[in-house]
N, C-alpha and C. Protein backbone atom coordinates (compact mmCIF):
# COMPACT_ATOMS: atom_id res chain seq x y z
N MET A 1 99.83 -155.38 2.52
CA MET A 1 98.54 -155.27 3.29
C MET A 1 98.98 -155.05 4.65
N ARG A 2 98.60 -154.03 5.26
CA ARG A 2 98.92 -153.82 6.74
C ARG A 2 98.76 -154.83 7.61
N ALA A 3 99.16 -154.86 8.61
CA ALA A 3 98.76 -156.09 9.76
C ALA A 3 97.39 -155.72 10.05
N SER A 4 97.36 -154.70 10.68
CA SER A 4 95.99 -153.88 10.78
C SER A 4 94.85 -154.44 10.36
N SER A 5 94.78 -154.33 9.02
CA SER A 5 93.85 -154.71 8.16
C SER A 5 93.86 -156.51 8.61
N GLN A 6 94.31 -157.32 8.69
CA GLN A 6 94.37 -158.64 9.07
C GLN A 6 93.56 -158.89 10.19
N PHE A 7 94.11 -157.99 11.47
CA PHE A 7 93.48 -158.06 12.91
C PHE A 7 91.78 -157.50 12.66
N LYS A 8 91.54 -156.71 11.97
CA LYS A 8 90.38 -156.29 11.88
C LYS A 8 89.43 -157.27 11.23
N LYS A 9 89.57 -157.86 10.08
CA LYS A 9 89.48 -158.84 9.17
C LYS A 9 89.00 -160.34 10.35
N GLY A 10 89.70 -160.72 11.35
CA GLY A 10 89.61 -161.27 12.27
C GLY A 10 88.31 -160.98 13.42
N ALA A 11 88.57 -159.57 13.94
CA ALA A 11 87.52 -159.38 14.47
C ALA A 11 86.36 -158.97 14.49
N LEU A 12 86.09 -158.60 12.98
CA LEU A 12 84.81 -158.09 12.59
C LEU A 12 83.68 -158.96 12.88
N GLU A 13 83.56 -160.22 12.81
CA GLU A 13 82.51 -160.99 13.37
C GLU A 13 81.83 -160.71 14.61
N MET A 14 82.93 -160.93 15.87
CA MET A 14 82.93 -160.35 16.98
C MET A 14 82.25 -159.08 17.35
N CYS A 15 82.55 -158.31 16.72
CA CYS A 15 82.14 -156.75 16.70
C CYS A 15 80.96 -156.66 16.35
N VAL A 16 80.24 -157.53 15.34
CA VAL A 16 78.79 -157.18 14.79
C VAL A 16 78.37 -158.00 15.82
N LEU A 17 78.34 -159.02 15.81
CA LEU A 17 77.73 -159.67 16.99
C LEU A 17 77.69 -159.14 18.29
N HIS A 18 78.55 -158.46 18.65
CA HIS A 18 78.42 -157.70 20.05
C HIS A 18 77.56 -156.94 19.96
N PHE A 19 77.41 -155.92 18.64
CA PHE A 19 76.33 -155.09 18.84
C PHE A 19 74.93 -155.36 18.48
N ILE A 20 75.01 -156.48 17.78
CA ILE A 20 73.64 -157.06 17.75
C ILE A 20 73.00 -157.84 18.98
N GLN A 21 73.69 -157.91 19.82
CA GLN A 21 73.37 -158.94 20.59
C GLN A 21 72.05 -158.44 21.64
N LYS A 22 71.91 -156.97 21.60
CA LYS A 22 71.09 -156.37 22.51
C LYS A 22 69.80 -155.85 21.87
N GLU A 23 70.07 -155.42 20.44
CA GLU A 23 69.43 -154.55 19.78
C GLU A 23 69.66 -155.11 18.11
N ASP A 24 68.60 -155.07 17.55
CA ASP A 24 68.59 -155.36 16.25
C ASP A 24 69.16 -154.32 15.65
N ARG A 25 69.93 -154.22 14.40
CA ARG A 25 70.58 -153.09 13.92
C ARG A 25 70.53 -153.39 12.25
N TYR A 26 70.58 -152.56 11.54
CA TYR A 26 70.67 -152.41 9.94
C TYR A 26 72.15 -152.24 9.82
N GLY A 27 72.60 -152.73 8.51
CA GLY A 27 73.98 -152.78 8.15
C GLY A 27 75.16 -151.34 8.06
N TYR A 28 74.22 -150.40 7.59
CA TYR A 28 74.92 -148.73 7.82
C TYR A 28 75.08 -148.48 9.18
N GLU A 29 73.93 -148.71 10.05
CA GLU A 29 73.62 -148.57 11.45
C GLU A 29 75.31 -149.17 12.31
N LEU A 30 75.42 -150.55 11.72
CA LEU A 30 76.50 -151.44 12.12
C LEU A 30 77.69 -150.88 11.96
N THR A 31 77.82 -150.33 10.52
CA THR A 31 79.26 -149.95 9.92
C THR A 31 79.64 -148.87 10.83
N GLN A 32 78.55 -147.79 11.20
CA GLN A 32 78.94 -146.10 11.90
C GLN A 32 78.95 -147.14 13.37
N ARG A 33 78.38 -147.72 14.03
CA ARG A 33 78.79 -148.23 15.36
C ARG A 33 80.44 -148.87 15.39
N VAL A 34 80.75 -149.75 14.05
CA VAL A 34 81.88 -150.12 14.39
C VAL A 34 83.10 -149.24 14.13
N ASN A 35 82.62 -148.13 13.45
CA ASN A 35 83.46 -147.02 12.93
C ASN A 35 83.73 -146.13 14.03
N GLN A 36 83.01 -146.29 14.88
CA GLN A 36 83.39 -145.61 15.95
C GLN A 36 84.52 -145.76 17.01
N PHE A 37 84.62 -146.98 16.58
CA PHE A 37 85.69 -147.86 17.65
C PHE A 37 87.19 -148.23 16.41
N ILE A 38 86.73 -148.75 15.62
CA ILE A 38 87.80 -149.58 14.54
C ILE A 38 87.37 -148.93 13.19
N PRO A 39 88.35 -148.09 12.30
CA PRO A 39 88.01 -147.82 11.00
C PRO A 39 87.70 -148.59 10.02
N ILE A 40 86.73 -148.81 9.52
CA ILE A 40 86.29 -149.66 7.71
C ILE A 40 85.78 -148.84 7.26
N THR A 41 85.65 -149.50 6.07
CA THR A 41 84.87 -148.98 4.95
C THR A 41 83.74 -149.54 5.09
N GLU A 42 82.50 -148.69 4.63
CA GLU A 42 80.95 -148.94 4.34
C GLU A 42 80.81 -150.37 3.95
N GLY A 43 81.44 -150.72 2.57
CA GLY A 43 81.46 -152.28 2.39
C GLY A 43 82.12 -153.32 3.11
N ALA A 44 82.52 -153.28 4.02
CA ALA A 44 83.64 -154.42 4.80
C ALA A 44 82.88 -155.21 5.55
N LEU A 45 81.80 -154.77 6.16
CA LEU A 45 80.81 -155.44 6.91
C LEU A 45 80.00 -156.37 5.95
N TYR A 46 79.26 -155.97 4.96
CA TYR A 46 78.41 -156.96 4.18
C TYR A 46 78.97 -158.43 4.01
N PRO A 47 79.83 -158.34 3.49
CA PRO A 47 80.42 -159.84 3.47
C PRO A 47 80.67 -160.66 4.59
N VAL A 48 80.52 -160.06 5.71
CA VAL A 48 80.58 -160.58 7.06
C VAL A 48 79.06 -160.85 8.01
N LEU A 49 78.23 -159.87 7.25
CA LEU A 49 76.92 -159.97 7.70
C LEU A 49 76.38 -161.02 7.12
N ARG A 50 76.44 -161.13 5.27
CA ARG A 50 76.28 -162.41 4.68
C ARG A 50 76.42 -163.95 5.03
N ARG A 51 77.71 -163.96 5.97
CA ARG A 51 78.63 -165.16 6.36
C ARG A 51 77.80 -165.14 7.60
N LEU A 52 77.69 -164.41 8.34
CA LEU A 52 76.88 -164.49 9.74
C LEU A 52 75.35 -165.40 9.21
N VAL A 53 74.64 -164.73 8.08
CA VAL A 53 73.54 -165.17 8.15
C VAL A 53 73.55 -166.89 7.48
N LYS A 54 74.55 -167.01 6.84
CA LYS A 54 74.64 -168.06 6.07
C LYS A 54 74.66 -169.24 7.20
N GLU A 55 75.54 -168.81 7.94
CA GLU A 55 76.04 -169.90 9.09
C GLU A 55 74.88 -169.58 10.30
N SER A 56 73.57 -168.99 10.29
CA SER A 56 72.72 -168.98 11.26
C SER A 56 72.97 -168.43 12.41
N TYR A 57 73.85 -167.46 12.54
CA TYR A 57 74.26 -166.71 13.49
C TYR A 57 73.24 -165.66 13.88
N CYS A 58 72.89 -165.24 12.48
CA CYS A 58 71.87 -164.31 12.81
C CYS A 58 70.81 -164.17 11.74
N GLU A 59 69.71 -163.49 11.65
CA GLU A 59 68.87 -163.65 10.92
C GLU A 59 68.36 -162.36 10.18
N ILE A 60 67.99 -162.21 9.32
CA ILE A 60 67.47 -160.60 8.47
C ILE A 60 65.97 -160.45 8.64
N TYR A 61 65.55 -159.46 8.94
CA TYR A 61 63.98 -159.22 8.58
C TYR A 61 63.86 -157.51 8.12
N THR A 62 62.97 -157.23 7.11
CA THR A 62 62.88 -156.13 6.32
C THR A 62 61.88 -155.28 7.46
N LYS A 63 62.26 -153.97 7.59
CA LYS A 63 61.23 -153.10 8.43
C LYS A 63 61.22 -151.59 7.78
N GLU A 64 60.17 -151.07 7.42
CA GLU A 64 59.87 -149.73 7.16
C GLU A 64 60.69 -148.95 7.74
N SER A 65 61.12 -147.78 6.85
CA SER A 65 62.04 -146.89 7.26
C SER A 65 61.19 -145.44 7.25
N PRO A 66 61.37 -144.41 8.21
CA PRO A 66 60.72 -143.36 8.19
C PRO A 66 61.38 -142.46 7.45
N ASP A 67 62.90 -142.85 7.14
CA ASP A 67 63.45 -141.96 6.33
C ASP A 67 63.63 -142.13 4.72
N GLY A 68 63.11 -143.17 4.37
CA GLY A 68 63.01 -143.82 3.26
C GLY A 68 62.73 -145.08 2.85
N PRO A 69 63.83 -146.02 2.11
CA PRO A 69 63.07 -147.27 1.42
C PRO A 69 63.30 -148.22 3.01
N SER A 70 62.72 -149.27 3.02
CA SER A 70 63.01 -150.71 3.90
C SER A 70 64.24 -150.96 4.16
N ARG A 71 64.61 -151.34 5.41
CA ARG A 71 65.80 -151.28 5.87
C ARG A 71 65.73 -152.63 6.31
N LYS A 72 67.16 -153.67 6.09
CA LYS A 72 67.24 -154.90 6.46
C LYS A 72 67.87 -154.92 8.12
N TYR A 73 67.02 -155.54 8.53
CA TYR A 73 67.71 -155.35 10.53
C TYR A 73 68.33 -156.92 10.61
N TYR A 74 69.31 -156.95 10.98
CA TYR A 74 70.08 -158.46 11.69
C TYR A 74 69.54 -158.61 13.08
N GLN A 75 69.39 -159.97 13.14
CA GLN A 75 68.83 -160.21 14.51
C GLN A 75 69.88 -161.42 15.02
N MET A 76 70.25 -161.28 15.87
CA MET A 76 70.97 -162.78 16.50
C MET A 76 69.89 -163.93 16.92
N THR A 77 70.52 -165.01 16.65
CA THR A 77 70.12 -166.06 16.99
C THR A 77 70.77 -167.01 18.23
N ASP A 78 70.07 -167.69 18.42
CA ASP A 78 70.50 -168.31 19.93
C ASP A 78 71.80 -168.97 19.46
N LYS A 79 72.20 -169.66 18.23
CA LYS A 79 73.23 -170.12 17.55
C LYS A 79 74.55 -168.80 17.73
N GLY A 80 74.21 -167.67 17.28
CA GLY A 80 75.01 -166.56 17.47
C GLY A 80 75.55 -166.27 18.83
N LYS A 81 74.31 -166.30 19.62
CA LYS A 81 74.92 -166.16 21.47
C LYS A 81 75.86 -166.72 21.86
N GLU A 82 75.90 -167.75 21.47
CA GLU A 82 76.80 -169.36 21.82
C GLU A 82 77.95 -168.69 20.65
N TYR A 83 78.04 -168.34 19.82
CA TYR A 83 79.09 -168.24 18.89
C TYR A 83 80.02 -167.03 19.50
N LEU A 84 79.25 -166.16 19.95
CA LEU A 84 79.76 -164.94 20.24
C LEU A 84 80.65 -165.13 21.46
N GLU A 85 79.85 -165.92 22.39
CA GLU A 85 80.37 -166.28 23.83
C GLU A 85 81.65 -167.10 23.55
N LEU A 86 81.76 -168.02 22.32
CA LEU A 86 83.02 -168.73 21.88
C LEU A 86 84.18 -167.83 21.38
N LEU A 87 84.00 -166.90 20.62
CA LEU A 87 84.90 -165.84 19.98
C LEU A 87 85.33 -165.13 21.03
N GLU A 88 84.45 -164.30 22.08
CA GLU A 88 84.95 -163.68 22.94
C GLU A 88 85.94 -164.51 23.85
N ARG A 89 85.65 -165.64 24.47
CA ARG A 89 86.86 -166.41 24.92
C ARG A 89 88.16 -166.50 24.52
N ASP A 90 87.68 -167.10 22.89
CA ASP A 90 88.89 -166.95 22.27
C ASP A 90 89.70 -166.10 21.87
N TRP A 91 89.21 -164.65 21.83
CA TRP A 91 89.75 -163.32 21.72
C TRP A 91 90.54 -162.85 23.04
N ASP A 92 89.78 -163.15 24.21
CA ASP A 92 90.39 -163.00 25.43
C ASP A 92 91.68 -163.57 25.80
N GLU A 93 91.49 -165.10 25.69
CA GLU A 93 92.75 -166.14 25.46
C GLU A 93 93.87 -165.49 24.93
N PHE A 94 93.53 -164.87 23.44
CA PHE A 94 94.74 -164.90 22.53
C PHE A 94 95.36 -163.53 22.78
N VAL A 95 94.72 -162.52 23.64
CA VAL A 95 94.97 -161.16 23.95
C VAL A 95 95.88 -161.26 24.96
N GLU A 96 95.63 -162.47 25.71
CA GLU A 96 96.24 -162.57 26.81
C GLU A 96 97.71 -163.25 26.42
N GLN A 97 97.80 -164.11 25.77
CA GLN A 97 98.81 -165.08 25.45
C GLN A 97 99.71 -164.43 24.47
N VAL A 98 99.48 -162.94 23.95
CA VAL A 98 100.09 -162.43 22.72
C VAL A 98 100.87 -161.20 24.07
N SER A 99 100.05 -160.94 25.09
CA SER A 99 100.55 -159.85 25.99
C SER A 99 101.67 -160.66 26.65
N LYS A 100 101.55 -161.72 27.08
CA LYS A 100 102.73 -162.71 27.88
C LYS A 100 103.76 -162.76 27.04
N LEU A 101 103.59 -163.01 25.80
CA LEU A 101 104.83 -163.15 24.69
C LEU A 101 105.72 -161.86 24.61
N ARG A 102 105.01 -160.94 24.37
CA ARG A 102 105.38 -159.59 24.24
C ARG A 102 106.56 -159.09 25.90
N GLU A 103 105.54 -159.62 26.76
CA GLU A 103 106.59 -159.26 28.11
C GLU A 103 107.84 -160.24 28.45
N ALA A 104 107.46 -161.43 27.86
CA ALA A 104 108.66 -162.46 28.06
C ALA A 104 110.07 -162.08 27.30
N ASP A 105 111.36 -162.49 27.33
CA ASP A 105 112.85 -161.92 27.19
C ASP A 105 112.50 -160.78 26.73
């Protein structure tokens, strides 16, 4: 397994929460948005979404679609907002530390 795959797995929760913090989105839409920046397969996000719902970081609601069947939308909860802030702080700190490490010696 390539290292980039492991990086993606670790960052996908943060990416999903980032995209739903201002606008509710459905699964396929989230996949497309993330794919604009990080290449992922369509099925990669659904386990992440299930985990975020299970941990109460987001909620699901169903909405009719003009283009076909109803869609499940994901909406961030207050707990999810707090979790995203924590993830972003931890991520920024991690990136800074790795950058320092790479510049050393």
